[in-house]
């Protein structure tokens, strides 16, 4: 029997290719696609490929700290949000770390400042790899007090493993 990791309805997710050590994500089996908070989205070309630069507020309820990210564009798609509104979004593919699990997943980029979570992990990304316990939270762990302090203190930057991402404090 194959053992699948368990996820709660919310989890900390690492995005190492975007230099983000941890971001709180809502695990949403009702959503087909995954969404990542992004603003100031600017497309550009690099070596003949389509890329996008965007900024992200990685901390919930905190718009003072932002991190600049760059990713190759996989697609642009029309996505319908939970309110039935359609929006054309950039789609990137990036590595996600949930506890001991490392997966590649597509993420649509959209401004989620008004939403409770900066990231939504939809069922396509989970692709039958996890068991979801909707009554539990952070089953894959959460940052300890020191890690969280580094994540949430603007003067010290956003710590991404052994790297410090370029960070901006408004």
N, C-alpha and C. Protein backbone atom coordinates (compact mmCIF):
# COMPACT_ATOMS: atom_id res chain seq x y z
N UNK A 1 0.84 -1.19 0.00
CA UNK A 1 0.00 0.00 0.00
C UNK A 1 0.88 1.24 0.00
N UNK A 2 0.57 2.19 -0.86
CA UNK A 2 1.34 3.42 -0.97
C UNK A 2 0.85 4.40 0.08
N UNK A 3 1.80 4.95 0.82
CA UNK A 3 1.48 5.94 1.85
C UNK A 3 1.50 7.33 1.23
N UNK A 4 0.40 8.06 1.35
CA UNK A 4 0.32 9.43 0.85
C UNK A 4 0.41 10.39 2.03
N UNK A 5 1.19 11.46 1.88
CA UNK A 5 1.26 12.46 2.96
C UNK A 5 -0.10 13.12 3.16
N UNK A 6 -0.36 13.53 4.39
CA UNK A 6 -1.61 14.21 4.71
C UNK A 6 -1.39 15.72 4.75
N UNK A 7 -2.39 16.43 4.23
CA UNK A 7 -2.40 17.89 4.29
C UNK A 7 -3.63 18.34 5.04
N UNK A 8 -3.49 19.41 5.79
CA UNK A 8 -4.64 20.05 6.41
C UNK A 8 -5.26 21.06 5.45
N UNK A 9 -6.25 21.79 5.89
CA UNK A 9 -6.92 22.75 5.00
C UNK A 9 -6.04 23.96 4.73
N UNK A 10 -4.99 24.13 5.54
CA UNK A 10 -3.99 25.17 5.29
C UNK A 10 -2.63 24.61 5.65
N UNK A 11 -1.63 25.00 4.85
CA UNK A 11 -0.27 24.49 5.02
C UNK A 11 0.75 25.57 4.67
N UNK A 12 1.95 25.43 5.21
CA UNK A 12 3.08 26.25 4.79
C UNK A 12 3.70 25.58 3.58
N UNK A 13 3.96 26.36 2.54
CA UNK A 13 4.52 25.85 1.30
C UNK A 13 5.78 26.66 0.97
N UNK A 14 6.86 25.96 0.63
CA UNK A 14 8.07 26.62 0.17
C UNK A 14 8.08 26.70 -1.34
N UNK A 15 8.59 27.79 -1.87
CA UNK A 15 8.71 28.00 -3.32
C UNK A 15 10.17 28.35 -3.61
N UNK A 16 11.06 27.36 -3.57
CA UNK A 16 12.50 27.66 -3.66
C UNK A 16 12.92 28.31 -4.98
N UNK A 17 12.30 27.98 -6.10
CA UNK A 17 12.68 28.59 -7.36
C UNK A 17 12.31 30.07 -7.41
N UNK A 18 11.38 30.49 -6.55
CA UNK A 18 11.00 31.89 -6.46
C UNK A 18 11.65 32.56 -5.24
N UNK A 19 12.52 31.83 -4.57
CA UNK A 19 13.25 32.31 -3.39
C UNK A 19 12.33 32.69 -2.23
N UNK A 20 11.28 31.88 -2.04
CA UNK A 20 10.35 32.07 -0.93
C UNK A 20 10.41 30.84 -0.03
N UNK A 21 10.90 31.03 1.18
CA UNK A 21 11.05 29.90 2.10
C UNK A 21 9.72 29.36 2.57
N UNK A 22 8.74 30.24 2.75
CA UNK A 22 7.46 29.77 3.25
C UNK A 22 6.36 30.79 3.01
N UNK A 23 5.23 30.28 2.60
CA UNK A 23 4.04 31.09 2.40
C UNK A 23 2.85 30.24 2.82
N UNK A 24 1.90 30.84 3.51
CA UNK A 24 0.71 30.10 3.92
C UNK A 24 -0.19 29.89 2.70
N UNK A 25 -0.63 28.66 2.52
CA UNK A 25 -1.50 28.33 1.40
C UNK A 25 -2.78 27.68 1.91
N UNK A 26 -3.87 28.00 1.25
CA UNK A 26 -5.14 27.32 1.49
C UNK A 26 -5.18 26.12 0.56
N UNK A 27 -5.45 24.96 1.11
CA UNK A 27 -5.58 23.74 0.32
C UNK A 27 -7.04 23.66 -0.10
N UNK A 28 -7.28 23.77 -1.40
CA UNK A 28 -8.65 23.92 -1.89
C UNK A 28 -8.97 22.87 -2.95
N UNK A 29 -9.59 21.78 -2.52
CA UNK A 29 -9.95 20.71 -3.46
C UNK A 29 -11.10 21.12 -4.38
N UNK A 30 -11.76 22.21 -4.06
CA UNK A 30 -12.83 22.71 -4.92
C UNK A 30 -12.32 23.55 -6.09
N UNK A 31 -11.06 23.96 -6.00
CA UNK A 31 -10.46 24.76 -7.08
C UNK A 31 -9.64 23.85 -7.98
N UNK A 32 -9.83 23.96 -9.27
CA UNK A 32 -9.05 23.15 -10.20
C UNK A 32 -7.62 23.63 -10.28
N UNK A 33 -7.42 24.93 -10.46
CA UNK A 33 -6.07 25.47 -10.61
C UNK A 33 -5.57 26.09 -9.32
N UNK A 34 -4.27 26.28 -9.26
CA UNK A 34 -3.63 26.91 -8.11
C UNK A 34 -3.34 28.37 -8.44
N UNK A 35 -3.34 29.21 -7.44
CA UNK A 35 -3.11 30.64 -7.64
C UNK A 35 -2.09 31.15 -6.64
N UNK A 36 -1.24 32.03 -7.12
CA UNK A 36 -0.23 32.67 -6.29
C UNK A 36 -0.43 34.17 -6.36
N UNK A 37 -0.37 34.81 -5.22
CA UNK A 37 -0.51 36.26 -5.15
C UNK A 37 0.61 36.92 -5.95
N UNK A 38 0.26 37.87 -6.80
CA UNK A 38 1.25 38.60 -7.58
C UNK A 38 0.70 39.98 -7.91
N UNK A 39 1.59 40.97 -7.93
CA UNK A 39 1.21 42.29 -8.39
C UNK A 39 2.39 42.88 -9.16
N UNK A 40 2.17 43.98 -9.83
CA UNK A 40 3.18 44.60 -10.70
C UNK A 40 3.74 43.56 -11.68
N UNK A 41 2.86 42.85 -12.33
CA UNK A 41 3.24 41.78 -13.26
C UNK A 41 3.72 42.42 -14.56
N UNK A 42 4.94 42.08 -14.95
CA UNK A 42 5.54 42.63 -16.16
C UNK A 42 6.13 41.51 -17.02
N UNK A 43 5.59 41.28 -18.19
CA UNK A 43 6.18 40.27 -19.09
C UNK A 43 7.44 40.82 -19.75
N UNK A 44 8.37 39.91 -20.09
CA UNK A 44 9.57 40.29 -20.82
C UNK A 44 10.13 39.06 -21.53
N UNK A 45 11.13 39.26 -22.36
CA UNK A 45 11.77 38.17 -23.10
C UNK A 45 13.17 37.96 -22.56
N UNK A 46 13.55 36.68 -22.44
CA UNK A 46 14.90 36.31 -22.00
C UNK A 46 15.32 35.12 -22.86
N UNK A 47 16.38 35.29 -23.61
CA UNK A 47 16.87 34.24 -24.51
C UNK A 47 15.77 33.71 -25.43
N UNK A 48 14.93 34.61 -25.91
CA UNK A 48 13.86 34.22 -26.83
C UNK A 48 12.65 33.60 -26.17
N UNK A 49 12.67 33.43 -24.87
CA UNK A 49 11.55 32.82 -24.13
C UNK A 49 10.73 33.90 -23.43
N UNK A 50 9.45 33.59 -23.21
CA UNK A 50 8.58 34.52 -22.47
C UNK A 50 8.79 34.32 -20.97
N UNK A 51 9.06 35.40 -20.27
CA UNK A 51 9.24 35.41 -18.83
C UNK A 51 8.33 36.48 -18.24
N UNK A 52 8.15 36.41 -16.94
CA UNK A 52 7.36 37.41 -16.24
C UNK A 52 8.07 37.78 -14.94
N UNK A 53 8.08 39.06 -14.66
CA UNK A 53 8.54 39.57 -13.37
C UNK A 53 7.30 39.97 -12.60
N UNK A 54 7.27 39.64 -11.32
CA UNK A 54 6.15 40.04 -10.49
C UNK A 54 6.64 40.23 -9.07
N UNK A 55 5.86 40.94 -8.32
CA UNK A 55 6.16 41.14 -6.90
C UNK A 55 5.12 40.39 -6.10
N UNK A 56 5.52 40.00 -4.90
CA UNK A 56 4.61 39.25 -4.03
C UNK A 56 4.75 39.76 -2.60
N UNK A 57 3.63 39.91 -1.93
CA UNK A 57 3.62 40.14 -0.49
C UNK A 57 3.53 38.75 0.15
N UNK A 58 4.64 38.19 0.64
CA UNK A 58 4.61 36.80 1.10
C UNK A 58 3.91 36.58 2.44
N UNK A 59 3.68 37.64 3.20
CA UNK A 59 3.09 37.49 4.53
C UNK A 59 1.64 37.94 4.54
N UNK A 60 0.79 37.14 5.15
CA UNK A 60 -0.62 37.49 5.27
C UNK A 60 -0.78 38.80 6.01
N UNK A 61 -1.70 39.61 5.55
CA UNK A 61 -2.06 40.86 6.21
C UNK A 61 -0.87 41.81 6.37
N UNK A 62 0.11 41.71 5.46
CA UNK A 62 1.29 42.58 5.54
C UNK A 62 1.68 42.97 4.12
N UNK A 63 1.46 44.24 3.78
CA UNK A 63 1.82 44.73 2.45
C UNK A 63 3.09 45.58 2.50
N UNK A 64 3.76 45.64 3.65
CA UNK A 64 4.98 46.42 3.78
C UNK A 64 6.19 45.70 3.21
N UNK A 65 6.17 44.38 3.21
CA UNK A 65 7.30 43.60 2.70
C UNK A 65 6.89 42.98 1.38
N UNK A 66 7.76 43.09 0.38
CA UNK A 66 7.50 42.44 -0.89
C UNK A 66 8.80 41.91 -1.46
N UNK A 67 8.64 40.88 -2.27
CA UNK A 67 9.77 40.20 -2.88
C UNK A 67 9.55 40.19 -4.39
N UNK A 68 10.61 40.50 -5.15
CA UNK A 68 10.55 40.45 -6.61
C UNK A 68 10.87 39.04 -7.07
N UNK A 69 10.04 38.50 -7.95
CA UNK A 69 10.22 37.15 -8.46
C UNK A 69 10.25 37.18 -9.99
N UNK A 70 10.94 36.18 -10.57
CA UNK A 70 11.01 36.02 -12.02
C UNK A 70 10.73 34.55 -12.34
N UNK A 71 9.94 34.31 -13.38
CA UNK A 71 9.63 32.93 -13.77
C UNK A 71 9.33 32.89 -15.26
N UNK A 72 9.61 31.75 -15.87
CA UNK A 72 9.29 31.55 -17.26
C UNK A 72 7.77 31.35 -17.39
N UNK A 73 7.19 31.96 -18.40
CA UNK A 73 5.75 31.84 -18.64
C UNK A 73 5.48 30.51 -19.34
N UNK A 74 4.57 29.74 -18.77
CA UNK A 74 4.16 28.48 -19.40
C UNK A 74 2.98 28.69 -20.34
N UNK A 75 2.08 29.63 -19.94
CA UNK A 75 0.86 29.84 -20.71
C UNK A 75 0.19 31.10 -20.19
N UNK A 76 -0.86 31.51 -20.90
CA UNK A 76 -1.80 32.52 -20.43
C UNK A 76 -3.17 31.93 -20.61
N UNK A 77 -3.95 31.91 -19.54
CA UNK A 77 -5.25 31.22 -19.58
C UNK A 77 -6.36 32.09 -19.00
N UNK A 78 -7.55 31.82 -19.47
CA UNK A 78 -8.73 32.43 -18.91
C UNK A 78 -9.16 31.57 -17.72
N UNK A 79 -9.19 32.18 -16.54
CA UNK A 79 -9.51 31.46 -15.30
C UNK A 79 -10.73 32.11 -14.67
N UNK A 80 -11.65 31.27 -14.17
CA UNK A 80 -12.82 31.78 -13.47
C UNK A 80 -12.59 31.65 -11.97
N UNK A 81 -12.75 32.76 -11.23
CA UNK A 81 -12.56 32.70 -9.79
C UNK A 81 -13.83 32.19 -9.11
N UNK A 82 -13.78 32.09 -7.79
CA UNK A 82 -14.91 31.52 -7.04
C UNK A 82 -16.17 32.37 -7.14
N UNK A 83 -16.01 33.64 -7.50
CA UNK A 83 -17.17 34.51 -7.66
C UNK A 83 -17.74 34.51 -9.06
N UNK A 84 -17.16 33.67 -9.95
CA UNK A 84 -17.64 33.57 -11.31
C UNK A 84 -17.05 34.58 -12.27
N UNK A 85 -16.07 35.37 -11.81
CA UNK A 85 -15.43 36.37 -12.66
C UNK A 85 -14.30 35.72 -13.46
N UNK A 86 -14.22 36.05 -14.75
CA UNK A 86 -13.18 35.50 -15.61
C UNK A 86 -12.03 36.50 -15.71
N UNK A 87 -10.81 35.96 -15.68
CA UNK A 87 -9.62 36.79 -15.75
C UNK A 87 -8.54 36.03 -16.53
N UNK A 88 -7.87 36.72 -17.46
CA UNK A 88 -6.76 36.10 -18.18
C UNK A 88 -5.52 36.24 -17.30
N UNK A 89 -4.90 35.10 -16.97
CA UNK A 89 -3.76 35.08 -16.05
C UNK A 89 -2.54 34.43 -16.68
N UNK A 90 -1.38 34.91 -16.25
CA UNK A 90 -0.14 34.22 -16.60
C UNK A 90 -0.08 32.92 -15.80
N UNK A 91 0.48 31.89 -16.41
CA UNK A 91 0.67 30.60 -15.75
C UNK A 91 2.17 30.32 -15.74
N UNK A 92 2.70 29.99 -14.55
CA UNK A 92 4.08 29.58 -14.42
C UNK A 92 4.10 28.17 -13.85
N UNK A 93 5.21 27.49 -14.00
CA UNK A 93 5.38 26.18 -13.36
C UNK A 93 6.58 26.31 -12.43
N UNK A 94 6.39 25.92 -11.18
CA UNK A 94 7.45 26.07 -10.20
C UNK A 94 7.44 24.92 -9.21
N UNK A 95 8.54 24.78 -8.51
CA UNK A 95 8.67 23.72 -7.51
C UNK A 95 7.99 24.16 -6.21
N UNK A 96 7.26 23.22 -5.60
CA UNK A 96 6.60 23.45 -4.30
C UNK A 96 7.15 22.45 -3.31
N UNK A 97 7.39 22.90 -2.09
CA UNK A 97 7.85 22.02 -1.02
C UNK A 97 6.79 22.04 0.08
N UNK A 98 6.22 20.87 0.34
CA UNK A 98 5.23 20.69 1.41
C UNK A 98 5.78 19.62 2.33
N UNK A 99 6.37 20.02 3.46
CA UNK A 99 7.02 19.06 4.34
C UNK A 99 8.14 18.36 3.62
N UNK A 100 8.06 17.03 3.49
CA UNK A 100 9.08 16.25 2.79
C UNK A 100 8.77 16.06 1.31
N UNK A 101 7.62 16.52 0.87
CA UNK A 101 7.21 16.35 -0.52
C UNK A 101 7.66 17.52 -1.38
N UNK A 102 8.24 17.21 -2.53
CA UNK A 102 8.65 18.23 -3.50
C UNK A 102 7.95 17.90 -4.81
N UNK A 103 7.15 18.85 -5.32
CA UNK A 103 6.42 18.64 -6.56
C UNK A 103 6.59 19.84 -7.47
N UNK A 104 6.33 19.64 -8.75
CA UNK A 104 6.25 20.73 -9.72
C UNK A 104 4.77 20.99 -9.95
N UNK A 105 4.40 22.26 -9.98
CA UNK A 105 2.99 22.58 -10.16
C UNK A 105 2.83 23.87 -10.94
N UNK A 106 1.75 23.94 -11.69
CA UNK A 106 1.38 25.18 -12.37
C UNK A 106 0.71 26.11 -11.37
N UNK A 107 1.04 27.39 -11.47
CA UNK A 107 0.44 28.42 -10.62
C UNK A 107 -0.03 29.55 -11.53
N UNK A 108 -1.26 30.01 -11.34
CA UNK A 108 -1.69 31.21 -12.04
C UNK A 108 -1.33 32.40 -11.16
N UNK A 109 -1.02 33.52 -11.77
CA UNK A 109 -0.63 34.72 -11.03
C UNK A 109 -1.80 35.70 -11.01
N UNK A 110 -2.17 36.13 -9.81
CA UNK A 110 -3.28 37.06 -9.64
C UNK A 110 -3.10 37.81 -8.32
N UNK A 111 -3.68 38.99 -8.25
CA UNK A 111 -3.59 39.77 -7.01
C UNK A 111 -4.55 39.19 -5.98
N UNK A 112 -3.99 38.70 -4.86
CA UNK A 112 -4.78 38.10 -3.80
C UNK A 112 -4.70 38.92 -2.52
N UNK A 113 -4.37 40.21 -2.62
CA UNK A 113 -4.26 41.05 -1.43
C UNK A 113 -5.54 41.06 -0.60
N UNK A 114 -6.68 40.99 -1.27
CA UNK A 114 -7.95 41.03 -0.53
C UNK A 114 -8.37 39.65 -0.01
N UNK A 115 -7.61 38.62 -0.34
CA UNK A 115 -7.94 37.26 0.08
C UNK A 115 -7.20 36.92 1.38
N UNK A 116 -7.71 35.94 2.12
CA UNK A 116 -7.08 35.55 3.38
C UNK A 116 -5.73 34.88 3.19
N UNK A 117 -5.54 34.18 2.07
CA UNK A 117 -4.29 33.46 1.82
C UNK A 117 -3.63 33.96 0.55
N UNK A 118 -2.31 34.07 0.58
CA UNK A 118 -1.54 34.54 -0.57
C UNK A 118 -1.40 33.45 -1.64
N UNK A 119 -1.73 32.23 -1.27
CA UNK A 119 -1.61 31.14 -2.22
C UNK A 119 -2.78 30.18 -2.03
N UNK A 120 -3.27 29.66 -3.15
CA UNK A 120 -4.33 28.66 -3.13
C UNK A 120 -3.79 27.45 -3.89
N UNK A 121 -3.78 26.30 -3.24
CA UNK A 121 -3.31 25.08 -3.88
C UNK A 121 -4.52 24.26 -4.32
N UNK A 122 -4.72 24.17 -5.63
CA UNK A 122 -5.87 23.49 -6.20
C UNK A 122 -5.63 22.01 -6.44
N UNK A 123 -6.67 21.31 -6.83
CA UNK A 123 -6.60 19.84 -6.93
C UNK A 123 -5.70 19.34 -8.05
N UNK A 124 -5.52 20.11 -9.13
CA UNK A 124 -4.64 19.66 -10.21
C UNK A 124 -3.20 19.55 -9.70
N UNK A 125 -2.76 20.48 -8.89
CA UNK A 125 -1.39 20.44 -8.34
C UNK A 125 -1.23 19.27 -7.38
N UNK A 126 -2.28 18.96 -6.65
CA UNK A 126 -2.19 17.85 -5.69
C UNK A 126 -2.23 16.50 -6.39
N UNK A 127 -2.94 16.41 -7.51
CA UNK A 127 -2.93 15.26 -8.41
C UNK A 127 -2.86 13.90 -7.71
N UNK A 128 -3.74 13.68 -6.76
CA UNK A 128 -3.85 12.39 -6.04
C UNK A 128 -2.57 12.01 -5.28
N UNK A 129 -1.74 13.00 -4.97
CA UNK A 129 -0.49 12.73 -4.23
C UNK A 129 -0.66 12.85 -2.73
N UNK A 130 -1.77 13.45 -2.27
CA UNK A 130 -1.96 13.74 -0.86
C UNK A 130 -3.35 13.31 -0.41
N UNK A 131 -3.50 13.12 0.88
CA UNK A 131 -4.80 12.93 1.51
C UNK A 131 -5.08 14.22 2.28
N UNK A 132 -6.27 14.76 2.12
CA UNK A 132 -6.62 16.04 2.75
C UNK A 132 -7.51 15.79 3.96
N UNK A 133 -7.13 16.37 5.09
CA UNK A 133 -7.94 16.35 6.30
C UNK A 133 -8.47 17.77 6.50
N UNK A 134 -9.72 18.03 6.13
CA UNK A 134 -10.25 19.39 6.20
C UNK A 134 -10.41 19.94 7.62
N UNK A 135 -10.27 19.09 8.61
CA UNK A 135 -10.38 19.55 9.99
C UNK A 135 -9.04 19.86 10.64
N UNK A 136 -7.96 19.70 9.90
CA UNK A 136 -6.62 19.89 10.47
C UNK A 136 -5.89 21.03 9.75
N UNK A 137 -4.87 21.55 10.41
CA UNK A 137 -4.03 22.61 9.85
C UNK A 137 -2.57 22.27 10.03
N UNK A 138 -1.76 22.66 9.07
CA UNK A 138 -0.29 22.58 9.15
C UNK A 138 0.22 21.19 9.51
N UNK A 139 -0.34 20.17 8.89
CA UNK A 139 0.11 18.80 9.15
C UNK A 139 1.52 18.54 8.64
N UNK A 140 1.99 19.37 7.70
CA UNK A 140 3.34 19.22 7.17
C UNK A 140 4.33 20.11 7.92
N UNK A 141 3.90 20.67 9.02
CA UNK A 141 4.78 21.49 9.85
C UNK A 141 4.62 22.97 9.58
N UNK A 142 5.20 23.73 10.47
CA UNK A 142 5.18 25.18 10.35
C UNK A 142 6.51 25.72 10.81
N UNK A 143 6.85 26.93 10.41
CA UNK A 143 8.13 27.47 10.85
C UNK A 143 8.19 27.56 12.37
N UNK A 144 9.38 27.30 12.95
CA UNK A 144 9.51 27.50 14.38
C UNK A 144 9.57 29.00 14.64
N UNK A 145 9.60 29.41 15.91
CA UNK A 145 9.53 30.83 16.26
C UNK A 145 10.65 31.64 15.61
N UNK A 146 11.86 31.08 15.56
CA UNK A 146 12.99 31.80 14.97
C UNK A 146 12.82 31.95 13.46
N UNK A 147 12.39 30.87 12.79
CA UNK A 147 12.17 30.94 11.34
C UNK A 147 11.07 31.95 11.02
N UNK A 148 9.98 31.93 11.80
CA UNK A 148 8.88 32.85 11.53
C UNK A 148 9.32 34.28 11.75
N UNK A 149 10.12 34.51 12.78
CA UNK A 149 10.62 35.86 13.04
C UNK A 149 11.42 36.36 11.83
N UNK A 150 12.25 35.49 11.25
CA UNK A 150 13.02 35.89 10.07
C UNK A 150 12.09 36.15 8.89
N UNK A 151 11.04 35.37 8.75
CA UNK A 151 10.09 35.58 7.65
C UNK A 151 9.33 36.89 7.80
N UNK A 152 9.03 37.28 9.03
CA UNK A 152 8.12 38.39 9.25
C UNK A 152 8.78 39.69 9.70
N UNK A 153 10.11 39.75 9.74
CA UNK A 153 10.79 40.97 10.15
C UNK A 153 11.38 41.65 8.93
N UNK A 154 10.78 42.75 8.48
CA UNK A 154 11.23 43.39 7.25
C UNK A 154 12.70 43.81 7.28
N UNK A 155 13.20 44.27 8.40
CA UNK A 155 14.57 44.75 8.47
C UNK A 155 15.58 43.63 8.21
N UNK A 156 15.20 42.39 8.45
CA UNK A 156 16.11 41.26 8.28
C UNK A 156 15.92 40.58 6.93
N UNK A 157 14.90 40.97 6.20
CA UNK A 157 14.69 40.40 4.88
C UNK A 157 13.87 39.12 4.94
N UNK A 158 13.56 38.64 3.78
CA UNK A 158 12.84 37.38 3.66
C UNK A 158 13.89 36.30 3.51
N UNK A 159 13.98 35.43 4.45
CA UNK A 159 15.01 34.40 4.42
C UNK A 159 14.51 33.20 3.63
N UNK A 160 15.33 32.74 2.72
CA UNK A 160 14.96 31.61 1.87
C UNK A 160 16.04 30.55 2.01
N UNK A 161 15.91 29.72 2.99
CA UNK A 161 16.94 28.72 3.24
C UNK A 161 18.22 29.41 3.64
N UNK A 162 19.29 29.18 2.88
CA UNK A 162 20.55 29.84 3.15
C UNK A 162 20.71 31.13 2.36
N UNK A 163 19.72 31.47 1.56
CA UNK A 163 19.80 32.67 0.73
C UNK A 163 18.89 33.74 1.30
N UNK A 164 19.25 34.98 1.07
CA UNK A 164 18.35 36.08 1.40
C UNK A 164 17.88 36.66 0.09
N UNK A 165 16.58 36.60 -0.14
CA UNK A 165 16.02 37.11 -1.38
C UNK A 165 16.11 38.63 -1.36
N UNK A 166 16.14 39.20 -2.56
CA UNK A 166 16.08 40.65 -2.64
C UNK A 166 14.75 41.05 -2.02
N UNK A 167 14.80 41.91 -1.05
CA UNK A 167 13.57 42.29 -0.38
C UNK A 167 13.43 43.79 -0.38
N UNK A 168 12.20 44.24 -0.28
CA UNK A 168 11.90 45.65 -0.35
C UNK A 168 10.96 45.97 0.80
N UNK A 169 11.24 47.07 1.47
CA UNK A 169 10.38 47.54 2.54
C UNK A 169 9.88 48.91 2.16
N UNK A 170 8.57 49.06 2.05
CA UNK A 170 8.00 50.38 1.69
C UNK A 170 7.92 51.26 2.91
